[in-house]
Amino acid sequence: MQPSSPSFRVVFSNEQILRRAQELARAIFTATPGEPPMLVAVIEGARPFARLLQKFVPGNLPVHEVRASSYAGTTSSGTVQITVGKDLPVRGQHVLLLEDIVDTGRTIEALKAHFLAAGAKSCRVATLLSKPSRRVVTVAIDYLGFEIPDEFVIGFGMDLDGRYRDLLDVVVYEAEVERAFLAAGVTAR
């Protein structure tokens, strides 16, 4: 029987992600005991990470969503577009942006500037992954899951043109592994 997805190299297992999310949730709650933050997930990629944090942070806080992207395929276009969530009611709120990966820093920089200009008291960042070697702008990450080298990762919400977002682990995308998997699937039929 053929596996349902290519055997990409696992960087962080689902178990590692769950443990780290619990640790981050404790740190977030400890830092904001009297005034819980407004959770804002950068969709689509941060949804799984946001759900985990929501589950572990006391108070059953809702997760609001914003869509901002600078990616086309495996590279950043350099231009950030905010298409959903521009009008979230952030005035007077402590916003906590939840991101899947901070790469160039452009998306986080644009979102922080947008929410602070809209009247947020503060805007902090929690990200599952950070890739500092790709940073173009300096951004502060308040709650960091894992730091990774300059590899294109997918899974646990992160995708390549809509593919592999549903993988439970964070894996390295390798085109040759995908090609071999697809070729084996065609041959097996």
Protein backbone atom coordinates (compact mmCIF):
# COMPACT_ATOMS: atom_id res chain seq x y z
CA MET A 1 0.00 0.00 0.00
CA GLN A 2 1.34 3.43 -0.99
CA PRO A 3 1.63 6.19 1.66
CA SER A 4 -0.79 9.11 1.27
CA SER A 5 1.98 11.69 0.94
CA PRO A 6 5.67 11.80 -0.04
CA SER A 7 8.25 10.82 2.60
CA PHE A 8 9.64 14.30 3.15
CA ARG A 9 12.28 14.76 5.86
CA VAL A 10 10.61 15.61 9.21
CA VAL A 11 12.00 18.71 10.91
CA PHE A 12 9.54 18.83 13.84
CA SER A 13 7.12 16.06 14.70
CA ASN A 14 3.55 16.73 15.71
CA GLU A 15 4.45 15.69 19.28
CA GLN A 16 7.27 18.25 19.42
CA ILE A 17 4.91 20.93 18.11
CA LEU A 18 2.26 20.08 20.74
CA ARG A 19 4.79 20.25 23.59
CA ARG A 20 6.20 23.57 22.40
CA ALA A 21 2.73 25.08 21.92
CA GLN A 22 1.88 24.21 25.54
CA GLU A 23 5.07 25.92 26.73
CA LEU A 24 4.32 29.03 24.65
CA ALA A 25 0.73 29.17 25.92
CA ARG A 26 1.99 29.11 29.51
CA ALA A 27 4.42 31.95 28.74
CA ILE A 28 1.67 34.00 27.04
CA PHE A 29 -0.74 33.52 29.95
CA THR A 30 1.96 34.36 32.51
CA ALA A 31 2.79 37.59 30.65
CA THR A 32 -0.86 38.69 30.33
CA PRO A 33 -2.78 37.39 33.39
CA GLY A 34 -5.08 40.37 33.92
CA GLU A 35 -5.63 41.47 30.36
CA PRO A 36 -5.67 38.58 27.89
CA PRO A 37 -4.56 39.44 24.38
CA MET A 38 -6.70 39.52 21.27
CA LEU A 39 -5.52 36.50 19.29
CA VAL A 40 -5.13 37.20 15.55
CA ALA A 41 -4.02 34.34 13.30
CA VAL A 42 -2.38 35.03 9.97
CA ILE A 43 -4.30 32.64 7.70
CA GLU A 44 -4.14 30.19 6.10
CA GLY A 45 -0.87 28.88 7.49
CA ALA A 46 -1.20 29.80 11.17
CA ARG A 47 -4.62 28.19 11.73
CA PRO A 48 -3.30 24.92 13.23
CA PHE A 49 -0.85 26.79 15.48
CA ALA A 50 -3.59 29.24 16.53
CA ARG A 51 -5.97 26.37 17.40
CA LEU A 52 -3.31 24.80 19.59
CA LEU A 53 -2.56 28.00 21.45
CA GLN A 54 -6.27 28.73 21.83
CA LYS A 55 -6.72 25.29 23.39
CA PHE A 56 -3.89 25.79 25.88
CA VAL A 57 -4.42 29.47 26.84
CA PRO A 58 -7.02 29.79 29.63
CA GLY A 59 -10.19 31.77 29.02
CA ASN A 60 -11.42 30.22 25.76
CA LEU A 61 -10.24 33.27 23.83
CA PRO A 62 -11.57 33.62 20.28
CA VAL A 63 -9.14 33.59 17.38
CA HIS A 64 -9.65 36.36 14.85
CA GLU A 65 -8.16 36.02 11.40
CA VAL A 66 -6.21 38.24 9.07
CA ARG A 67 -4.97 37.28 5.63
CA ALA A 68 -1.68 38.73 4.56
CA SER A 69 0.76 37.23 2.15
CA SER A 70 3.94 37.98 0.30
CA TYR A 71 4.53 34.53 -1.21
CA ALA A 72 4.27 33.25 -4.75
CA GLY A 73 5.37 29.61 -4.84
CA THR A 74 8.50 29.12 -2.72
CA THR A 75 9.74 32.73 -2.77
CA SER A 76 8.60 35.99 -1.23
CA SER A 77 7.37 38.60 -3.69
CA GLY A 78 8.45 41.42 -1.37
CA THR A 79 5.00 43.05 -1.35
CA VAL A 80 2.60 42.37 1.53
CA GLN A 81 -1.11 42.33 0.79
CA ILE A 82 -3.64 42.47 3.67
CA THR A 83 -6.87 41.14 2.18
CA VAL A 84 -8.91 39.90 5.17
CA GLY A 85 -9.17 41.34 8.67
CA LYS A 86 -8.15 44.90 7.89
CA ASP A 87 -11.04 46.18 10.01
CA LEU A 88 -10.66 44.00 13.12
CA PRO A 89 -11.70 45.93 16.27
CA VAL A 90 -8.20 46.25 17.75
CA ARG A 91 -8.53 49.74 19.27
CA GLY A 92 -7.52 49.52 22.93
CA GLN A 93 -6.58 45.83 22.63
CA HIS A 94 -3.32 44.01 23.24
CA VAL A 95 -2.97 42.12 19.95
CA LEU A 96 -1.06 38.86 19.72
CA LEU A 97 -0.29 37.98 16.11
CA LEU A 98 -0.07 34.23 15.56
CA GLU A 99 2.09 33.27 12.60
CA ASP A 100 3.21 29.96 11.14
CA ILE A 101 6.65 31.17 10.05
CA VAL A 102 8.52 34.47 10.15
CA ASP A 103 10.78 34.49 7.13
CA THR A 104 11.66 37.86 5.60
CA GLY A 105 9.77 39.69 8.37
CA ARG A 106 7.81 41.82 5.90
CA THR A 107 4.38 40.33 6.70
CA ILE A 108 4.78 40.74 10.46
CA GLU A 109 6.19 44.24 10.06
CA ALA A 110 3.22 45.26 7.88
CA LEU A 111 0.63 43.70 10.20
CA LYS A 112 2.13 45.21 13.35
CA ALA A 113 2.22 48.66 11.74
CA HIS A 114 -1.38 48.23 10.54
CA PHE A 115 -2.78 47.20 13.94
CA LEU A 116 -0.82 49.80 15.91
CA ALA A 117 -2.05 52.49 13.49
CA ALA A 118 -5.59 51.18 14.06
CA GLY A 119 -5.25 51.86 17.81
CA ALA A 120 -3.99 48.59 19.32
CA LYS A 121 -2.35 49.16 22.74
CA SER A 122 0.39 46.73 21.77
CA CYS A 123 1.11 44.14 19.12
CA ARG A 124 3.24 41.13 19.97
CA VAL A 125 4.16 38.11 17.85
CA ALA A 126 3.98 34.38 18.51
CA THR A 127 5.30 32.19 15.71
CA LEU A 128 5.73 28.48 15.34
CA LEU A 129 8.87 28.92 13.21
CA SER A 130 11.47 31.58 12.53
CA LYS A 131 13.98 31.61 9.71
CA PRO A 132 16.40 34.42 10.70
CA SER A 133 18.79 33.79 7.79
CA ARG A 134 16.09 35.11 5.41
CA ARG A 135 15.26 38.28 7.38
CA VAL A 136 15.01 41.43 5.27
CA VAL A 137 13.55 43.60 8.04
CA THR A 138 14.20 43.36 11.75
CA VAL A 139 11.14 42.20 13.68
CA ALA A 140 10.74 41.25 17.32
CA ILE A 141 9.38 37.78 18.02
CA ASP A 142 7.94 37.62 21.51
CA TYR A 143 7.08 33.91 21.58
CA LEU A 144 9.10 31.55 19.38
CA GLY A 145 8.37 27.89 18.77
CA PHE A 146 11.46 26.84 16.81
CA GLU A 147 14.23 28.44 14.77
CA ILE A 148 15.02 26.77 11.45
CA PRO A 149 17.72 27.07 8.77
CA ASP A 150 17.03 28.34 5.26
CA GLU A 151 14.95 25.39 4.04
CA PHE A 152 11.48 25.52 2.52
CA VAL A 153 9.17 23.79 5.00
CA ILE A 154 5.60 22.60 4.65
CA GLY A 155 3.04 20.85 6.81
CA PHE A 156 1.16 21.83 9.96
CA GLY A 157 -0.60 24.62 8.06
CA MET A 158 2.25 25.60 5.74
CA ASP A 159 1.85 24.73 2.08
CA LEU A 160 3.29 24.86 -1.39
CA ASP A 161 0.64 26.31 -3.68
CA GLY A 162 -2.12 24.77 -1.55
CA ARG A 163 -0.50 21.33 -1.23
CA TYR A 164 0.64 19.55 1.96
CA ARG A 165 -0.96 22.01 4.40
CA ASP A 166 -2.66 19.08 6.18
CA LEU A 167 0.53 17.19 7.09
CA LEU A 168 0.75 16.82 10.88
CA ASP A 169 4.53 17.31 11.02
CA VAL A 170 6.70 20.16 9.74
CA VAL A 171 8.77 18.73 6.88
CA VAL A 172 11.27 19.97 4.30
CA TYR A 173 9.82 20.21 0.79
CA GLU A 174 12.01 18.38 -1.71
CA ALA A 175 10.85 18.41 -5.34
CA GLU A 176 12.67 15.16 -6.14
CA VAL A 177 10.90 13.33 -3.30
CA GLU A 178 7.56 14.61 -4.57
CA ARG A 179 8.38 13.59 -8.17
CA ALA A 180 9.38 10.07 -7.09
CA PHE A 181 6.19 9.74 -5.04
CA LEU A 182 4.00 10.88 -7.93
CA ALA A 183 5.81 8.61 -10.39
CA ALA A 184 5.34 5.61 -8.08
CA GLY A 185 1.64 6.41 -7.78
CA VAL A 186 1.18 6.51 -11.54
CA THR A 187 3.13 3.26 -12.02
CA ALA A 188 1.15 1.45 -9.31
CA ARG A 189 -2.15 2.06 -11.11
